[in-house]
Amino acid sequence: MGQSRAATVDDWFAEVDPKREPVLRAVRALARKHFGAEAERMNYGMPAYTEGPAFAFNSQKQYISLYVSPTVNALHAEALKGVDAGKSCLRFRKPEQIDLDLVDRLLADTVRLGVTSC
């Protein structure tokens, strides 16, 4: 999908590949659990949470990306071994590769540490 022009996250989901939608909705639910629904916005054409943002995700052409602070990623280095990762981007070629329990822990630590940007 790349960078969307959707005005809202709900509009963004209307553009998502149906094969990816269930896991992306699960990621969204975890983000709303930790940041609250009021923190949700579109930023750089993708769903993002809080100003900064502290967390974001996207459905790219070849992968799903999760944007998490490098500080938080470092706390989970062992669990993230083998994940295609950049400085703050975690990339998953297949939806089933995303460990939602790990995403939950990453987001909990993002909030606990008061991280304001990814």
PDB file of N, CA and C in Angstrom:
ATOM      1  N   MET A   1       0.822  -1.177   0.000  1.00  0.00           N
ATOM      2  CA  MET A   1       0.000   0.000   0.000  1.00  0.00           C
ATOM      3  C   MET A   1       0.870   1.245   0.000  1.00  0.00           C
ATOM      4  N   GLY A   2       1.934   1.260   0.773  1.00  0.00           N
ATOM      5  CA  GLY A   2       2.782   2.438   0.823  1.00  0.00           C
ATOM      6  C   GLY A   2       2.134   3.552   1.610  1.00  0.00           C
ATOM      7  N   GLN A   3       2.364   4.785   1.198  1.00  0.00           N
ATOM      8  CA  GLN A   3       1.814   5.924   1.908  1.00  0.00           C
ATOM      9  C   GLN A   3       0.390   6.193   1.440  1.00  0.00           C
ATOM     10  N   SER A   4      -0.519   6.101   2.367  1.00  0.00           N
ATOM     11  CA  SER A   4      -1.937   6.289   2.081  1.00  0.00           C
ATOM     12  C   SER A   4      -2.315   7.768   2.190  1.00  0.00           C
ATOM     13  N   ARG A   5      -3.370   8.133   1.496  1.00  0.00           N
ATOM     14  CA  ARG A   5      -3.934   9.473   1.627  1.00  0.00           C
ATOM     15  C   ARG A   5      -5.203   9.441   2.488  1.00  0.00           C
ATOM     16  N   ALA A   6      -5.460   8.307   3.136  1.00  0.00           N
ATOM     17  CA  ALA A   6      -6.651   8.170   3.972  1.00  0.00           C
ATOM     18  C   ALA A   6      -6.642   9.212   5.088  1.00  0.00           C
ATOM     19  N   ALA A   7      -7.811   9.747   5.380  1.00  0.00           N
ATOM     20  CA  ALA A   7      -7.938  10.768   6.418  1.00  0.00           C
ATOM     21  C   ALA A   7      -8.004  10.173   7.814  1.00  0.00           C
ATOM     22  N   THR A   8      -8.511   8.938   7.915  1.00  0.00           N
ATOM     23  CA  THR A   8      -8.660   8.293   9.219  1.00  0.00           C
ATOM     24  C   THR A   8      -8.113   6.872   9.152  1.00  0.00           C
ATOM     25  N   VAL A   9      -7.889   6.299  10.307  1.00  0.00           N
ATOM     26  CA  VAL A   9      -7.409   4.916  10.353  1.00  0.00           C
ATOM     27  C   VAL A   9      -8.481   3.978   9.801  1.00  0.00           C
ATOM     28  N   ASP A  10      -9.733   4.250  10.073  1.00  0.00           N
ATOM     29  CA  ASP A  10     -10.794   3.419   9.497  1.00  0.00           C
ATOM     30  C   ASP A  10     -10.762   3.472   7.973  1.00  0.00           C
ATOM     31  N   ASP A  11     -10.548   4.654   7.399  1.00  0.00           N
ATOM     32  CA  ASP A  11     -10.417   4.773   5.947  1.00  0.00           C
ATOM     33  C   ASP A  11      -9.181   4.009   5.447  1.00  0.00           C
ATOM     34  N   TRP A  12      -8.099   4.066   6.219  1.00  0.00           N
ATOM     35  CA  TRP A  12      -6.874   3.348   5.871  1.00  0.00           C
ATOM     36  C   TRP A  12      -7.143   1.849   5.770  1.00  0.00           C
ATOM     37  N   PHE A  13      -7.923   1.323   6.730  1.00  0.00           N
ATOM     38  CA  PHE A  13      -8.237  -0.109   6.715  1.00  0.00           C
ATOM     39  C   PHE A  13      -9.036  -0.512   5.475  1.00  0.00           C
ATOM     40  N   ALA A  14      -9.766   0.402   4.901  1.00  0.00           N
ATOM     41  CA  ALA A  14     -10.520   0.096   3.677  1.00  0.00           C
ATOM     42  C   ALA A  14      -9.580  -0.203   2.504  1.00  0.00           C
ATOM     43  N   GLU A  15      -8.334   0.233   2.596  1.00  0.00           N
ATOM     44  CA  GLU A  15      -7.343   0.026   1.542  1.00  0.00           C
ATOM     45  C   GLU A  15      -6.448  -1.195   1.778  1.00  0.00           C
ATOM     46  N   VAL A  16      -6.533  -1.799   2.950  1.00  0.00           N
ATOM     47  CA  VAL A  16      -5.612  -2.871   3.352  1.00  0.00           C
ATOM     48  C   VAL A  16      -5.933  -4.183   2.636  1.00  0.00           C
ATOM     49  N   ASP A  17      -4.885  -4.916   2.291  1.00  0.00           N
ATOM     50  CA  ASP A  17      -5.014  -6.257   1.727  1.00  0.00           C
ATOM     51  C   ASP A  17      -5.792  -7.128   2.719  1.00  0.00           C
ATOM     52  N   PRO A  18      -6.885  -7.747   2.303  1.00  0.00           N
ATOM     53  CA  PRO A  18      -7.701  -8.557   3.215  1.00  0.00           C
ATOM     54  C   PRO A  18      -6.919  -9.669   3.923  1.00  0.00           C
ATOM     55  N   LYS A  19      -5.847 -10.160   3.314  1.00  0.00           N
ATOM     56  CA  LYS A  19      -5.038 -11.201   3.959  1.00  0.00           C
ATOM     57  C   LYS A  19      -4.260 -10.655   5.145  1.00  0.00           C
ATOM     58  N   ARG A  20      -3.995  -9.373   5.138  1.00  0.00           N
ATOM     59  CA  ARG A  20      -3.244  -8.739   6.225  1.00  0.00           C
ATOM     60  C   ARG A  20      -4.142  -8.097   7.278  1.00  0.00           C
ATOM     61  N   GLU A  21      -5.378  -7.869   6.917  1.00  0.00           N
ATOM     62  CA  GLU A  21      -6.271  -7.103   7.781  1.00  0.00           C
ATOM     63  C   GLU A  21      -6.416  -7.668   9.194  1.00  0.00           C
ATOM     64  N   PRO A  22      -6.610  -8.987   9.382  1.00  0.00           N
ATOM     65  CA  PRO A  22      -6.789  -9.471  10.761  1.00  0.00           C
ATOM     66  C   PRO A  22      -5.613  -9.139  11.684  1.00  0.00           C
ATOM     67  N   VAL A  23      -4.395  -9.339  11.232  1.00  0.00           N
ATOM     68  CA  VAL A  23      -3.252  -9.050  12.108  1.00  0.00           C
ATOM     69  C   VAL A  23      -3.089  -7.548  12.303  1.00  0.00           C
ATOM     70  N   LEU A  24      -3.360  -6.758  11.281  1.00  0.00           N
ATOM     71  CA  LEU A  24      -3.268  -5.310  11.425  1.00  0.00           C
ATOM     72  C   LEU A  24      -4.333  -4.783  12.391  1.00  0.00           C
ATOM     73  N   ARG A  25      -5.505  -5.371  12.363  1.00  0.00           N
ATOM     74  CA  ARG A  25      -6.543  -4.976  13.327  1.00  0.00           C
ATOM     75  C   ARG A  25      -6.128  -5.368  14.745  1.00  0.00           C
ATOM     76  N   ALA A  26      -5.461  -6.504  14.882  1.00  0.00           N
ATOM     77  CA  ALA A  26      -4.971  -6.934  16.196  1.00  0.00           C
ATOM     78  C   ALA A  26      -3.884  -5.971  16.701  1.00  0.00           C
ATOM     79  N   VAL A  27      -2.997  -5.544  15.809  1.00  0.00           N
ATOM     80  CA  VAL A  27      -1.964  -4.557  16.176  1.00  0.00           C
ATOM     81  C   VAL A  27      -2.642  -3.253  16.595  1.00  0.00           C
ATOM     82  N   ARG A  28      -3.638  -2.837  15.842  1.00  0.00           N
ATOM     83  CA  ARG A  28      -4.373  -1.615  16.188  1.00  0.00           C
ATOM     84  C   ARG A  28      -5.007  -1.743  17.573  1.00  0.00           C
ATOM     85  N   ALA A  29      -5.621  -2.878  17.852  1.00  0.00           N
ATOM     86  CA  ALA A  29      -6.256  -3.083  19.156  1.00  0.00           C
ATOM     87  C   ALA A  29      -5.230  -2.974  20.291  1.00  0.00           C
ATOM     88  N   LEU A  30      -4.054  -3.523  20.081  1.00  0.00           N
ATOM     89  CA  LEU A  30      -3.004  -3.424  21.101  1.00  0.00           C
ATOM     90  C   LEU A  30      -2.555  -1.974  21.266  1.00  0.00           C
ATOM     91  N   ALA A  31      -2.405  -1.255  20.171  1.00  0.00           N
ATOM     92  CA  ALA A  31      -2.005   0.153  20.255  1.00  0.00           C
ATOM     93  C   ALA A  31      -3.049   0.966  21.007  1.00  0.00           C
ATOM     94  N   ARG A  32      -4.308   0.719  20.731  1.00  0.00           N
ATOM     95  CA  ARG A  32      -5.374   1.451  21.421  1.00  0.00           C
ATOM     96  C   ARG A  32      -5.440   1.058  22.887  1.00  0.00           C
ATOM     97  N   LYS A  33      -5.141  -0.188  23.191  1.00  0.00           N
ATOM     98  CA  LYS A  33      -5.095  -0.654  24.588  1.00  0.00           C
ATOM     99  C   LYS A  33      -4.047   0.149  25.369  1.00  0.00           C
ATOM    100  N   HIS A  34      -2.887   0.347  24.779  1.00  0.00           N
ATOM    101  CA  HIS A  34      -1.791   0.999  25.496  1.00  0.00           C
ATOM    102  C   HIS A  34      -1.803   2.525  25.411  1.00  0.00           C
ATOM    103  N   PHE A  35      -2.231   3.071  24.287  1.00  0.00           N
ATOM    104  CA  PHE A  35      -2.187   4.519  24.103  1.00  0.00           C
ATOM    105  C   PHE A  35      -3.545   5.189  24.230  1.00  0.00           C
ATOM    106  N   GLY A  36      -4.609   4.413  24.088  1.00  0.00           N
ATOM    107  CA  GLY A  36      -5.955   4.964  24.098  1.00  0.00           C
ATOM    108  C   GLY A  36      -6.399   5.342  22.701  1.00  0.00           C
ATOM    109  N   ALA A  37      -7.690   5.217  22.441  1.00  0.00           N
ATOM    110  CA  ALA A  37      -8.240   5.517  21.120  1.00  0.00           C
ATOM    111  C   ALA A  37      -8.025   6.981  20.741  1.00  0.00           C
ATOM    112  N   GLU A  38      -8.005   7.863  21.740  1.00  0.00           N
ATOM    113  CA  GLU A  38      -7.852   9.290  21.449  1.00  0.00           C
ATOM    114  C   GLU A  38      -6.451   9.636  20.935  1.00  0.00           C
ATOM    115  N   ALA A  39      -5.484   8.755  21.128  1.00  0.00           N
ATOM    116  CA  ALA A  39      -4.116   8.994  20.661  1.00  0.00           C
ATOM    117  C   ALA A  39      -3.926   8.583  19.196  1.00  0.00           C
ATOM    118  N   GLU A  40      -4.928   7.931  18.622  1.00  0.00           N
ATOM    119  CA  GLU A  40      -4.820   7.420  17.254  1.00  0.00           C
ATOM    120  C   GLU A  40      -4.997   8.531  16.230  1.00  0.00           C
ATOM    121  N   ARG A  41      -4.134   8.503  15.203  1.00  0.00           N
ATOM    122  CA  ARG A  41      -4.190   9.491  14.124  1.00  0.00           C
ATOM    123  C   ARG A  41      -3.489   8.923  12.897  1.00  0.00           C
ATOM    124  N   MET A  42      -3.644   9.581  11.803  1.00  0.00           N
ATOM    125  CA  MET A  42      -2.863   9.262  10.609  1.00  0.00           C
ATOM    126  C   MET A  42      -1.655  10.182  10.606  1.00  0.00           C
ATOM    127  N   ASN A  43      -0.479   9.608  10.360  1.00  0.00           N
ATOM    128  CA  ASN A  43       0.753  10.377  10.326  1.00  0.00           C
ATOM    129  C   ASN A  43       1.633   9.763   9.241  1.00  0.00           C
ATOM    130  N   TYR A  44       2.088  10.565   8.311  1.00  0.00           N
ATOM    131  CA  TYR A  44       2.885  10.073   7.185  1.00  0.00           C
ATOM    132  C   TYR A  44       2.185   8.938   6.444  1.00  0.00           C
ATOM    133  N   GLY A  45       0.860   9.016   6.339  1.00  0.00           N
ATOM    134  CA  GLY A  45       0.088   8.042   5.585  1.00  0.00           C
ATOM    135  C   GLY A  45      -0.092   6.701   6.251  1.00  0.00           C
ATOM    136  N   MET A  46       0.095   6.640   7.568  1.00  0.00           N
ATOM    137  CA  MET A  46      -0.082   5.371   8.281  1.00  0.00           C
ATOM    138  C   MET A  46      -0.659   5.624   9.668  1.00  0.00           C
ATOM    139  N   PRO A  47      -1.270   4.604  10.264  1.00  0.00           N
ATOM    140  CA  PRO A  47      -1.772   4.744  11.630  1.00  0.00           C
ATOM    141  C   PRO A  47      -0.623   5.004  12.597  1.00  0.00           C
ATOM    142  N   ALA A  48      -0.816   5.977  13.472  1.00  0.00           N
ATOM    143  CA  ALA A  48       0.211   6.355  14.434  1.00  0.00           C
ATOM    144  C   ALA A  48      -0.461   6.693  15.765  1.00  0.00           C
ATOM    145  N   TYR A  49       0.341   6.644  16.814  1.00  0.00           N
ATOM    146  CA  TYR A  49      -0.195   6.833  18.161  1.00  0.00           C
ATOM    147  C   TYR A  49       0.653   7.829  18.925  1.00  0.00           C
ATOM    148  N   THR A  50       0.012   8.850  19.416  1.00  0.00           N
ATOM    149  CA  THR A  50       0.548  10.015  20.106  1.00  0.00           C
ATOM    150  C   THR A  50       1.326  10.891  19.142  1.00  0.00           C
ATOM    151  N   GLU A  51       1.609  12.088  19.603  1.00  0.00           N
ATOM    152  CA  GLU A  51       2.451  12.998  18.812  1.00  0.00           C
ATOM    153  C   GLU A  51       3.853  12.410  18.798  1.00  0.00           C
ATOM    154  N   GLY A  52       4.527  12.625  17.755  1.00  0.00           N
ATOM    155  CA  GLY A  52       5.907  12.116  17.673  1.00  0.00           C
ATOM    156  C   GLY A  52       6.133  11.248  16.461  1.00  0.00           C
ATOM    157  N   PRO A  53       5.470  10.184  16.202  1.00  0.00           N
ATOM    158  CA  PRO A  53       4.604   9.380  17.083  1.00  0.00           C
ATOM    159  C   PRO A  53       5.429   8.413  17.934  1.00  0.00           C
ATOM    160  N   ALA A  54       4.809   7.852  18.963  1.00  0.00           N
ATOM    161  CA  ALA A  54       5.473   6.860  19.805  1.00  0.00           C
ATOM    162  C   ALA A  54       5.440   5.476  19.156  1.00  0.00           C
ATOM    163  N   PHE A  55       4.445   5.230  18.307  1.00  0.00           N
ATOM    164  CA  PHE A  55       4.297   3.946  17.622  1.00  0.00           C
ATOM    165  C   PHE A  55       3.508   4.180  16.344  1.00  0.00           C
ATOM    166  N   ALA A  56       3.841   3.432  15.308  1.00  0.00           N
ATOM    167  CA  ALA A  56       3.100   3.489  14.049  1.00  0.00           C
ATOM    168  C   ALA A  56       3.217   2.135  13.362  1.00  0.00           C
ATOM    169  N   PHE A  57       2.325   1.886  12.419  1.00  0.00           N
ATOM    170  CA  PHE A  57       2.417   0.662  11.618  1.00  0.00           C
ATOM    171  C   PHE A  57       1.904   0.944  10.222  1.00  0.00           C
ATOM    172  N   ASN A  58       2.325   0.062   9.283  1.00  0.00           N
ATOM    173  CA  ASN A  58       1.907   0.259   7.904  1.00  0.00           C
ATOM    174  C   ASN A  58       1.932  -1.060   7.155  1.00  0.00           C
ATOM    175  N   SER A  59       1.192  -1.103   6.088  1.00  0.00           N
ATOM    176  CA  SER A  59       1.173  -2.251   5.193  1.00  0.00           C
ATOM    177  C   SER A  59       1.859  -1.828   3.903  1.00  0.00           C
ATOM    178  N   GLN A  60       3.118  -2.200   3.768  1.00  0.00           N
ATOM    179  CA  GLN A  60       3.894  -1.870   2.577  1.00  0.00           C
ATOM    180  C   GLN A  60       3.640  -2.924   1.503  1.00  0.00           C
ATOM    181  N   LYS A  61       4.186  -2.714   0.331  1.00  0.00           N
ATOM    182  CA  LYS A  61       3.979  -3.660  -0.767  1.00  0.00           C
ATOM    183  C   LYS A  61       4.522  -5.047  -0.422  1.00  0.00           C
ATOM    184  N   GLN A  62       5.727  -5.108   0.132  1.00  0.00           N
ATOM    185  CA  GLN A  62       6.374  -6.389   0.393  1.00  0.00           C
ATOM    186  C   GLN A  62       6.315  -6.849   1.847  1.00  0.00           C
ATOM    187  N   TYR A  63       5.882  -5.985   2.757  1.00  0.00           N
ATOM    188  CA  TYR A  63       5.902  -6.360   4.165  1.00  0.00           C
ATOM    189  C   TYR A  63       4.990  -5.466   4.996  1.00  0.00           C
ATOM    190  N   ILE A  64       4.781  -5.903   6.229  1.00  0.00           N
ATOM    191  CA  ILE A  64       4.107  -5.098   7.242  1.00  0.00           C
ATOM    192  C   ILE A  64       5.210  -4.485   8.089  1.00  0.00           C
ATOM    193  N   SER A  65       5.113  -3.210   8.360  1.00  0.00           N
ATOM    194  CA  SER A  65       6.125  -2.552   9.176  1.00  0.00           C
ATOM    195  C   SER A  65       5.518  -2.049  10.483  1.00  0.00           C
ATOM    196  N   LEU A  66       6.290  -2.222  11.542  1.00  0.00           N
ATOM    197  CA  LEU A  66       5.944  -1.687  12.856  1.00  0.00           C
ATOM    198  C   LEU A  66       7.062  -0.739  13.250  1.00  0.00           C
ATOM    199  N   TYR A  67       6.717   0.467  13.645  1.00  0.00           N
ATOM    200  CA  TYR A  67       7.705   1.469  14.024  1.00  0.00           C
ATOM    201  C   TYR A  67       7.695   1.632  15.534  1.00  0.00           C
ATOM    202  N   VAL A  68       8.791   1.191  16.147  1.00  0.00           N
ATOM    203  CA  VAL A  68       8.945   1.183  17.600  1.00  0.00           C
ATOM    204  C   VAL A  68      10.284   1.838  17.920  1.00  0.00           C
ATOM    205  N   SER A  69      10.360   2.542  19.020  1.00  0.00           N
ATOM    206  CA  SER A  69      11.589   3.210  19.420  1.00  0.00           C
ATOM    207  C   SER A  69      12.778   2.249  19.482  1.00  0.00           C
ATOM    208  N   PRO A  70      13.942   2.683  18.999  1.00  0.00           N
ATOM    209  CA  PRO A  70      15.139   1.855  19.121  1.00  0.00           C
ATOM    210  C   PRO A  70      15.447   1.495  20.574  1.00  0.00           C
ATOM    211  N   THR A  71      15.122   2.382  21.501  1.00  0.00           N
ATOM    212  CA  THR A  71      15.329   2.101  22.926  1.00  0.00           C
ATOM    213  C   THR A  71      14.515   0.897  23.357  1.00  0.00           C
ATOM    214  N   VAL A  72      13.272   0.854  22.940  1.00  0.00           N
ATOM    215  CA  VAL A  72      12.396  -0.266  23.292  1.00  0.00           C
ATOM    216  C   VAL A  72      12.825  -1.524  22.552  1.00  0.00           C
ATOM    217  N   ASN A  73      13.162  -1.397  21.280  1.00  0.00           N
ATOM    218  CA  ASN A  73      13.636  -2.563  20.525  1.00  0.00           C
ATOM    219  C   ASN A  73      14.840  -3.200  21.210  1.00  0.00           C
ATOM    220  N   ALA A  74      15.748  -2.372  21.727  1.00  0.00           N
ATOM    221  CA  ALA A  74      16.952  -2.887  22.382  1.00  0.00           C
ATOM    222  C   ALA A  74      16.610  -3.717  23.613  1.00  0.00           C
ATOM    223  N   LEU A  75      15.545  -3.356  24.310  1.00  0.00           N
ATOM    224  CA  LEU A  75      15.127  -4.122  25.490  1.00  0.00           C
ATOM    225  C   LEU A  75      14.671  -5.530  25.120  1.00  0.00           C
ATOM    226  N   HIS A  76      14.263  -5.697  23.879  1.00  0.00           N
ATOM    227  CA  HIS A  76      13.720  -6.973  23.413  1.00  0.00           C
ATOM    228  C   HIS A  76      14.592  -7.593  22.322  1.00  0.00           C
ATOM    229  N   ALA A  77      15.874  -7.292  22.362  1.00  0.00           N
ATOM    230  CA  ALA A  77      16.801  -7.750  21.318  1.00  0.00           C
ATOM    231  C   ALA A  77      16.767  -9.264  21.139  1.00  0.00           C
ATOM    232  N   GLU A  78      16.712  -9.984  22.215  1.00  0.00           N
ATOM    233  CA  GLU A  78      16.700 -11.456  22.124  1.00  0.00           C
ATOM    234  C   GLU A  78      15.443 -11.938  21.404  1.00  0.00           C
ATOM    235  N   ALA A  79      14.297 -11.403  21.774  1.00  0.00           N
ATOM    236  CA  ALA A  79      13.032 -11.810  21.157  1.00  0.00           C
ATOM    237  C   ALA A  79      12.945 -11.361  19.698  1.00  0.00           C
ATOM    238  N   LEU A  80      13.671 -10.321  19.338  1.00  0.00           N
ATOM    239  CA  LEU A  80      13.627  -9.789  17.974  1.00  0.00           C
ATOM    240  C   LEU A  80      14.707 -10.381  17.066  1.00  0.00           C
ATOM    241  N   LYS A  81      15.507 -11.304  17.601  1.00  0.00           N
ATOM    242  CA  LYS A  81      16.517 -11.954  16.758  1.00  0.00           C
ATOM    243  C   LYS A  81      15.835 -12.598  15.567  1.00  0.00           C
ATOM    244  N   GLY A  82      16.397 -12.381  14.405  1.00  0.00           N
ATOM    245  CA  GLY A  82      15.839 -12.956  13.187  1.00  0.00           C
ATOM    246  C   GLY A  82      14.794 -12.090  12.511  1.00  0.00           C
ATOM    247  N   VAL A  83      14.344 -11.028  13.182  1.00  0.00           N
ATOM    248  CA  VAL A  83      13.371 -10.117  12.579  1.00  0.00           C
ATOM    249  C   VAL A  83      14.128  -9.111  11.724  1.00  0.00           C
ATOM    250  N   ASP A  84      13.637  -8.868  10.526  1.00  0.00           N
ATOM    251  CA  ASP A  84      14.216  -7.853   9.644  1.00  0.00           C
ATOM    252  C   ASP A  84      13.951  -6.493  10.289  1.00  0.00           C
ATOM    253  N   ALA A  85      15.019  -5.829  10.731  1.00  0.00           N
ATOM    254  CA  ALA A  85      14.835  -4.593  11.482  1.00  0.00           C
ATOM    255  C   ALA A  85      15.804  -3.517  11.042  1.00  0.00           C
ATOM    256  N   GLY A  86      15.303  -2.300  11.051  1.00  0.00           N
ATOM    257  CA  GLY A  86      16.124  -1.114  10.870  1.00  0.00           C
ATOM    258  C   GLY A  86      16.236  -0.432  12.216  1.00  0.00           C
ATOM    259  N   LYS A  87      16.595   0.829  12.221  1.00  0.00           N
ATOM    260  CA  LYS A  87      16.771   1.559  13.477  1.00  0.00           C
ATOM    261  C   LYS A  87      15.510   1.516  14.343  1.00  0.00           C
ATOM    262  N   SER A  88      14.378   1.813  13.749  1.00  0.00           N
ATOM    263  CA  SER A  88      13.129   1.783  14.522  1.00  0.00           C
ATOM    264  C   SER A  88      12.022   1.013  13.803  1.00  0.00           C
ATOM    265  N   CYS A  89      12.353   0.360  12.721  1.00  0.00           N
ATOM    266  CA  CYS A  89      11.351  -0.334  11.908  1.00  0.00           C
ATOM    267  C   CYS A  89      11.540  -1.845  11.983  1.00  0.00           C
ATOM    268  N   LEU A  90      10.463  -2.540  12.289  1.00  0.00           N
ATOM    269  CA  LEU A  90      10.435  -4.003  12.253  1.00  0.00           C
ATOM    270  C   LEU A  90       9.613  -4.384  11.040  1.00  0.00           C
ATOM    271  N   ARG A  91      10.164  -5.259  10.200  1.00  0.00           N
ATOM    272  CA  ARG A  91       9.487  -5.622   8.954  1.00  0.00           C
ATOM    273  C   ARG A  91       9.162  -7.119   8.940  1.00  0.00           C
ATOM    274  N   PHE A  92       7.924  -7.426   8.542  1.00  0.00           N
ATOM    275  CA  PHE A  92       7.450  -8.805   8.496  1.00  0.00           C
ATOM    276  C   PHE A  92       6.863  -9.073   7.114  1.00  0.00           C
ATOM    277  N   ARG A  93       7.404 -10.044   6.415  1.00  0.00           N
ATOM    278  CA  ARG A  93       6.923 -10.370   5.062  1.00  0.00           C
ATOM    279  C   ARG A  93       5.562 -11.063   5.089  1.00  0.00           C
ATOM    280  N   LYS A  94       5.289 -11.802   6.154  1.00  0.00           N
ATOM    281  CA  LYS A  94       4.019 -12.525   6.263  1.00  0.00           C
ATOM    282  C   LYS A  94       3.321 -12.144   7.560  1.00  0.00           C
ATOM    283  N   PRO A  95       2.016 -11.942   7.521  1.00  0.00           N
ATOM    284  CA  PRO A  95       1.285 -11.547   8.725  1.00  0.00           C
ATOM    285  C   PRO A  95       1.491 -12.515   9.892  1.00  0.00           C
ATOM    286  N   GLU A  96       1.584 -13.802   9.594  1.00  0.00           N
ATOM    287  CA  GLU A  96       1.706 -14.800  10.662  1.00  0.00           C
ATOM    288  C   GLU A  96       3.060 -14.743  11.368  1.00  0.00           C
ATOM    289  N   GLN A  97       4.005 -13.981  10.844  1.00  0.00           N
ATOM    290  CA  GLN A  97       5.303 -13.820  11.506  1.00  0.00           C
ATOM    291  C   GLN A  97       5.234 -12.853  12.685  1.00  0.00           C
ATOM    292  N   ILE A  98       4.177 -12.075  12.775  1.00  0.00           N
ATOM    293  CA  ILE A  98       4.062 -11.075  13.838  1.00  0.00           C
ATOM    294  C   ILE A  98       3.604 -11.752  15.124  1.00  0.00           C
ATOM    295  N   ASP A  99       4.446 -11.651  16.145  1.00  0.00           N
ATOM    296  CA  ASP A  99       4.157 -12.201  17.468  1.00  0.00           C
ATOM    297  C   ASP A  99       3.398 -11.121  18.250  1.00  0.00           C
ATOM    298  N   LEU A 100       2.092 -11.279  18.365  1.00  0.00           N
ATOM    299  CA  LEU A 100       1.269 -10.253  19.011  1.00  0.00           C
ATOM    300  C   LEU A 100       1.585 -10.106  20.490  1.00  0.00           C
ATOM    301  N   ASP A 101       2.013 -11.187  21.150  1.00  0.00           N
ATOM    302  CA  ASP A 101       2.426 -11.066  22.551  1.00  0.00           C
ATOM    303  C   ASP A 101       3.656 -10.168  22.668  1.00  0.00           C
ATOM    304  N   LEU A 102       4.579 -10.301  21.729  1.00  0.00           N
ATOM    305  CA  LEU A 102       5.761  -9.446  21.720  1.00  0.00           C
ATOM    306  C   LEU A 102       5.369  -7.997  21.420  1.00  0.00           C
ATOM    307  N   VAL A 103       4.481  -7.793  20.479  1.00  0.00           N
ATOM    308  CA  VAL A 103       4.013  -6.432  20.176  1.00  0.00           C
ATOM    309  C   VAL A 103       3.397  -5.817  21.430  1.00  0.00           C
ATOM    310  N   ASP A 104       2.618  -6.590  22.153  1.00  0.00           N
ATOM    311  CA  ASP A 104       2.013  -6.121  23.401  1.00  0.00           C
ATOM    312  C   ASP A 104       3.099  -5.674  24.383  1.00  0.00           C
ATOM    313  N   ARG A 105       4.150  -6.455  24.514  1.00  0.00           N
ATOM    314  CA  ARG A 105       5.246  -6.102  25.430  1.00  0.00           C
ATOM    315  C   ARG A 105       6.008  -4.861  24.939  1.00  0.00           C
ATOM    316  N   LEU A 106       6.232  -4.773  23.633  1.00  0.00           N
ATOM    317  CA  LEU A 106       6.907  -3.594  23.075  1.00  0.00           C
ATOM    318  C   LEU A 106       6.113  -2.323  23.370  1.00  0.00           C
ATOM    319  N   LEU A 107       4.814  -2.400  23.187  1.00  0.00           N
ATOM    320  CA  LEU A 107       3.974  -1.225  23.418  1.00  0.00           C
ATOM    321  C   LEU A 107       3.883  -0.891  24.906  1.00  0.00           C
ATOM    322  N   ALA A 108       3.804  -1.912  25.743  1.00  0.00           N
ATOM    323  CA  ALA A 108       3.777  -1.676  27.195  1.00  0.00           C
ATOM    324  C   ALA A 108       5.057  -0.957  27.629  1.00  0.00           C
ATOM    325  N   ASP A 109       6.201  -1.381  27.106  1.00  0.00           N
ATOM    326  CA  ASP A 109       7.461  -0.724  27.456  1.00  0.00           C
ATOM    327  C   ASP A 109       7.547   0.678  26.875  1.00  0.00           C
ATOM    328  N   THR A 110       6.979   0.897  25.702  1.00  0.00           N
ATOM    329  CA  THR A 110       6.948   2.234  25.117  1.00  0.00           C
ATOM    330  C   THR A 110       6.235   3.198  26.056  1.00  0.00           C
ATOM    331  N   VAL A 111       5.094   2.759  26.582  1.00  0.00           N
ATOM    332  CA  VAL A 111       4.322   3.595  27.501  1.00  0.00           C
ATOM    333  C   VAL A 111       5.053   3.725  28.837  1.00  0.00           C
ATOM    334  N   ARG A 112       5.543   2.621  29.380  1.00  0.00           N
ATOM    335  CA  ARG A 112       6.219   2.613  30.671  1.00  0.00           C
ATOM    336  C   ARG A 112       7.421   3.549  30.680  1.00  0.00           C
ATOM    337  N   LEU A 113       8.169   3.570  29.585  1.00  0.00           N
ATOM    338  CA  LEU A 113       9.356   4.414  29.495  1.00  0.00           C
ATOM    339  C   LEU A 113       9.045   5.843  29.063  1.00  0.00           C
ATOM    340  N   GLY A 114       7.811   6.102  28.681  1.00  0.00           N
ATOM    341  CA  GLY A 114       7.425   7.439  28.256  1.00  0.00           C
ATOM    342  C   GLY A 114       8.040   7.856  26.935  1.00  0.00           C
ATOM    343  N   VAL A 115       8.276   6.878  26.065  1.00  0.00           N
ATOM    344  CA  VAL A 115       8.868   7.155  24.755  1.00  0.00           C
ATOM    345  C   VAL A 115       7.888   8.004  23.945  1.00  0.00           C
ATOM    346  N   THR A 116       8.405   9.052  23.325  1.00  0.00           N
ATOM    347  CA  THR A 116       7.518   9.969  22.591  1.00  0.00           C
ATOM    348  C   THR A 116       7.706   9.928  21.082  1.00  0.00           C
ATOM    349  N   SER A 117       8.711   9.200  20.601  1.00  0.00           N
ATOM    350  CA  SER A 117       8.859   9.072  19.155  1.00  0.00           C
ATOM    351  C   SER A 117       9.564   7.772  18.797  1.00  0.00           C
ATOM    352  N   CYS A 118       9.238   7.271  17.612  1.00  0.00           N
ATOM    353  CA  CYS A 118       9.854   6.023  17.162  1.00  0.00           C
ATOM    354  C   CYS A 118      10.864   6.301  16.081  1.00  0.00           C
TER     355      CYS A 118
END
